[in-house]
């Protein structure tokens, strides 16, 4: 693709912003802001942004609050960066609408690989050929990368959409957490990855199920994985 992807870096530490900018500038168009409020303003002015790299620990609006605000504007992929590695923080990142999570310190290679993976997925699903699938009261438009429930638009993140589409591609089959993780995140399944899948499936159910506590569309096959009949 001739047009370079556009990435926004959001971090209150100018040294980290500089390092990330230097890592990304040769391959991408890169902008940077120092706080959550500036990030929201930027996204309002630049909805064509392809990826947000978002720090968690910031004064004023923290990363989770910033993510919530961005999600009200866009389904752009969001990669969280944090000095914390606790599972609770990882879950909070996903619940607020983040697509992936990277704990500081991290290697340059790991960071660039996650950036590339998120952008590839975003471009892939925005360019799907025209097609539509109907299930219960849910309509999935593969061309527009959009979902409607009872005729109303359902705003999904790219990760949530990828999970839904992967389950639809395997309709009638049980998809294990390992298969889901490696197909959607394009990374090796590791201890803790099952929780990542679980949280994203729960978020997806909250958006597409009439009763998320008793799901009719995405069923849990206990001890095995998830399935759409």
Protein backbone atom coordinates (compact mmCIF):
# COMPACT_ATOMS: atom_id res chain seq x y z
CA UNK A 1 0.00 0.00 0.00
CA UNK A 2 1.44 3.37 -1.05
CA UNK A 3 -0.29 5.41 1.63
CA UNK A 4 1.47 5.07 4.95
CA UNK A 5 -0.52 4.14 8.03
CA UNK A 6 -1.12 6.89 10.58
CA UNK A 7 -0.24 6.28 14.24
CA UNK A 8 -0.93 8.43 17.31
CA UNK A 9 1.36 8.11 20.36
CA UNK A 10 -0.19 9.17 23.69
CA UNK A 11 2.24 9.34 26.64
CA UNK A 12 3.03 11.99 29.26
CA UNK A 13 6.75 11.06 29.23
CA UNK A 14 8.52 13.01 26.44
CA UNK A 15 11.45 10.57 26.42
CA UNK A 16 9.16 7.61 25.73
CA UNK A 17 7.32 9.57 23.04
CA UNK A 18 10.65 10.35 21.39
CA UNK A 19 11.79 6.70 21.45
CA UNK A 20 8.51 5.45 20.00
CA UNK A 21 8.53 8.18 17.37
CA UNK A 22 12.04 7.21 16.26
CA UNK A 23 11.03 3.54 16.08
CA UNK A 24 7.98 4.26 13.92
CA UNK A 25 8.82 7.26 11.75
CA UNK A 26 10.56 5.38 8.95
CA UNK A 27 7.53 3.21 8.22
CA UNK A 28 4.53 5.24 9.38
CA UNK A 29 3.11 8.74 9.67
CA UNK A 30 3.42 9.47 13.39
CA UNK A 31 1.80 12.09 15.62
CA UNK A 32 2.27 12.44 19.37
CA UNK A 33 0.38 14.10 22.23
CA UNK A 34 1.15 14.30 25.98
CA UNK A 35 -2.20 13.47 27.58
CA UNK A 36 -5.63 11.94 27.20
CA UNK A 37 -7.52 15.18 26.56
CA UNK A 38 -5.17 16.06 23.69
CA UNK A 39 -5.59 12.52 22.32
CA UNK A 40 -9.38 12.88 22.21
CA UNK A 41 -9.05 16.28 20.50
CA UNK A 42 -6.65 14.76 17.97
CA UNK A 43 -8.99 11.88 17.18
CA UNK A 44 -11.88 14.28 16.65
CA UNK A 45 -9.76 16.22 14.16
CA UNK A 46 -8.13 13.16 12.55
CA UNK A 47 -10.61 10.27 12.38
CA UNK A 48 -8.50 8.68 9.62
CA UNK A 49 -5.91 7.61 12.25
CA UNK A 50 -5.09 3.88 11.91
CA UNK A 51 -3.65 3.06 15.36
CA UNK A 52 -3.37 4.61 18.84
CA UNK A 53 -0.45 3.69 21.13
CA UNK A 54 -1.74 4.64 24.57
CA UNK A 55 0.01 4.86 27.94
CA UNK A 56 -2.05 3.83 30.97
CA UNK A 57 -0.51 5.88 33.79
CA UNK A 58 -1.08 9.53 32.88
CA UNK A 59 -2.15 12.56 34.97
CA UNK A 60 -5.67 13.81 34.40
CA UNK A 61 -7.39 11.27 32.15
CA UNK A 62 -5.63 7.94 32.55
CA UNK A 63 -5.30 5.50 29.66
CA UNK A 64 -8.51 3.63 30.46
CA UNK A 65 -10.59 6.84 30.55
CA UNK A 66 -8.92 8.03 27.36
CA UNK A 67 -9.71 4.73 25.68
CA UNK A 68 -13.36 5.02 26.66
CA UNK A 69 -13.50 8.51 25.16
CA UNK A 70 -11.79 7.43 21.93
CA UNK A 71 -14.14 4.46 21.62
CA UNK A 72 -17.06 6.91 21.56
CA UNK A 73 -15.49 8.38 18.41
CA UNK A 74 -13.76 5.51 16.64
CA UNK A 75 -13.07 1.78 16.48
CA UNK A 76 -9.38 2.44 15.71
CA UNK A 77 -7.07 -0.25 17.16
CA UNK A 78 -5.60 0.74 20.54
CA UNK A 79 -2.35 -0.69 21.91
CA UNK A 80 -1.91 -0.08 25.64
CA UNK A 81 1.53 0.53 27.15
CA UNK A 82 1.97 0.28 30.90
CA UNK A 83 4.58 -0.21 33.58
CA UNK A 84 2.17 -2.56 35.28
CA UNK A 85 1.93 -6.22 34.36
CA UNK A 86 -0.78 -7.41 36.77
CA UNK A 87 -3.57 -9.47 35.22
CA UNK A 88 -6.15 -7.03 36.64
CA UNK A 89 -4.61 -4.17 34.66
CA UNK A 90 -4.54 -6.26 31.51
CA UNK A 91 -8.24 -7.07 31.94
CA UNK A 92 -9.03 -3.39 32.61
CA UNK A 93 -7.26 -2.48 29.38
CA UNK A 94 -9.37 -4.91 27.38
CA UNK A 95 -12.62 -4.00 29.14
CA UNK A 96 -12.13 -0.33 28.31
CA UNK A 97 -11.92 -1.27 24.63
CA UNK A 98 -8.20 -1.82 24.05
CA UNK A 99 -7.08 -4.31 21.43
CA UNK A 100 -3.70 -5.31 22.81
CA UNK A 101 -1.39 -4.74 25.76
CA UNK A 102 2.38 -4.36 26.19
CA UNK A 103 4.17 -4.07 29.54
CA UNK A 104 7.19 -1.80 29.99
CA UNK A 105 10.03 -2.42 29.52
CA UNK A 106 9.52 -4.12 26.15
CA UNK A 107 11.81 -4.92 23.25
CA UNK A 108 11.76 -2.92 20.04
CA UNK A 109 10.98 -6.07 18.11
CA UNK A 110 7.98 -6.97 20.26
CA UNK A 111 6.57 -3.44 20.02
CA UNK A 112 6.95 -3.24 16.24
CA UNK A 113 5.47 -6.72 15.81
CA UNK A 114 2.33 -5.77 17.76
CA UNK A 115 2.00 -2.51 15.82
CA UNK A 116 2.30 -4.37 12.53
CA UNK A 117 -0.19 -7.06 13.59
CA UNK A 118 -2.85 -4.56 14.69
CA UNK A 119 -2.47 -2.48 11.54
CA UNK A 120 -2.58 -5.55 9.30
CA UNK A 121 -5.80 -6.75 10.94
CA UNK A 122 -7.35 -3.28 10.70
CA UNK A 123 -6.52 -2.94 6.99
CA UNK A 124 -7.62 -6.52 6.28
CA UNK A 125 -11.08 -6.17 7.73
CA UNK A 126 -11.68 -2.74 6.25
CA UNK A 127 -11.01 -4.25 2.83
CA UNK A 128 -13.19 -7.33 2.97
CA UNK A 129 -15.23 -8.16 -0.15
CA UNK A 130 -18.94 -7.51 -0.09
CA UNK A 131 -20.91 -10.07 1.83
CA UNK A 132 -23.42 -10.20 4.66
CA UNK A 133 -24.30 -12.82 7.23
CA UNK A 134 -27.49 -12.93 9.27
CA UNK A 135 -27.78 -14.76 12.59
CA UNK A 136 -30.67 -14.40 15.00
CA UNK A 137 -31.29 -10.61 14.98
CA UNK A 138 -27.65 -9.94 14.07
CA UNK A 139 -26.46 -8.81 10.62
CA UNK A 140 -22.72 -8.86 9.88
CA UNK A 141 -21.61 -6.86 6.85
CA UNK A 142 -18.16 -8.16 5.86
CA UNK A 143 -17.68 -5.41 3.28
CA UNK A 144 -18.28 -2.55 5.67
CA UNK A 145 -16.78 -4.31 8.71
CA UNK A 146 -20.02 -3.48 10.51
CA UNK A 147 -22.58 -5.22 12.66
CA UNK A 148 -26.23 -4.44 13.28
CA UNK A 149 -28.51 -5.83 15.95
CA UNK A 150 -32.24 -5.47 15.38
CA UNK A 151 -31.39 -2.91 12.68
CA UNK A 152 -29.22 -0.75 14.96
CA UNK A 153 -25.48 -0.30 14.50
CA UNK A 154 -23.29 -2.14 17.02
CA UNK A 155 -19.86 -0.49 17.48
CA UNK A 156 -17.26 -3.27 17.72
CA UNK A 157 -13.53 -2.93 18.09
CA UNK A 158 -11.45 -4.66 15.42
CA UNK A 159 -10.54 -7.38 17.92
CA UNK A 160 -14.19 -8.02 18.77
CA UNK A 161 -15.08 -8.09 15.08
CA UNK A 162 -12.20 -10.49 14.36
CA UNK A 163 -13.45 -12.84 17.07
CA UNK A 164 -17.00 -12.73 15.71
CA UNK A 165 -15.87 -13.35 12.14
CA UNK A 166 -13.56 -16.21 13.17
CA UNK A 167 -16.46 -17.89 14.96
CA UNK A 168 -18.71 -17.36 11.94
CA UNK A 169 -16.09 -18.86 9.63
CA UNK A 170 -16.09 -21.91 11.90
CA UNK A 171 -19.85 -21.98 12.42
CA UNK A 172 -20.98 -25.23 13.98
CA UNK A 173 -17.48 -26.03 15.23
CA UNK A 174 -16.02 -25.50 18.69
CA UNK A 175 -13.19 -22.96 18.61
CA UNK A 176 -10.71 -23.35 21.44
CA UNK A 177 -9.22 -20.36 23.24
CA UNK A 178 -5.82 -21.30 21.81
CA UNK A 179 -7.13 -21.38 18.25
CA UNK A 180 -8.97 -18.10 18.77
CA UNK A 181 -5.95 -16.34 20.22
CA UNK A 182 -3.54 -17.45 17.52
CA UNK A 183 -6.03 -16.68 14.73
CA UNK A 184 -7.01 -13.23 15.99
CA UNK A 185 -3.90 -11.96 17.80
CA UNK A 186 -1.46 -13.72 15.44
CA UNK A 187 0.71 -14.67 18.41
CA UNK A 188 1.64 -17.90 20.17
CA UNK A 189 -0.85 -19.00 22.84
CA UNK A 190 0.71 -18.63 26.30
CA UNK A 191 -0.46 -18.99 29.92
CA UNK A 192 -2.83 -16.10 30.53
CA UNK A 193 -3.90 -15.86 26.88
CA UNK A 194 -7.15 -17.69 27.66
CA UNK A 195 -8.13 -14.83 29.99
CA UNK A 196 -7.49 -12.35 27.19
CA UNK A 197 -9.85 -14.27 24.92
CA UNK A 198 -12.45 -14.63 27.68
CA UNK A 199 -12.58 -10.89 28.42
CA UNK A 200 -12.96 -9.98 24.74
CA UNK A 201 -15.70 -12.58 24.26
CA UNK A 202 -17.54 -11.16 27.30
CA UNK A 203 -17.24 -7.65 25.84
CA UNK A 204 -18.55 -8.91 22.50
CA UNK A 205 -21.50 -10.66 24.14
CA UNK A 206 -22.46 -7.48 25.98
CA UNK A 207 -22.81 -5.78 22.61
CA UNK A 208 -24.55 -8.44 20.50
CA UNK A 209 -26.53 -10.64 22.90
CA UNK A 210 -30.00 -9.72 24.15
CA UNK A 211 -29.11 -11.40 27.45
CA UNK A 212 -25.29 -11.66 27.80
CA UNK A 213 -25.61 -13.85 30.90
CA UNK A 214 -27.59 -16.36 28.84
CA UNK A 215 -26.04 -16.02 25.36
CA UNK A 216 -27.88 -17.38 22.32
CA UNK A 217 -25.36 -16.43 19.63
CA UNK A 218 -21.91 -17.23 21.09
CA UNK A 219 -22.15 -20.33 23.24
CA UNK A 220 -19.53 -21.53 25.69
CA UNK A 221 -18.70 -25.21 25.25
CA UNK A 222 -17.48 -25.90 28.76
CA UNK A 223 -13.92 -27.13 28.97
CA UNK A 224 -13.48 -26.78 25.19
CA UNK A 225 -14.10 -23.26 23.87
CA UNK A 226 -16.73 -21.20 22.03
CA UNK A 227 -19.18 -21.91 19.26
CA UNK A 228 -21.74 -20.28 17.00
CA UNK A 229 -24.33 -22.86 15.92
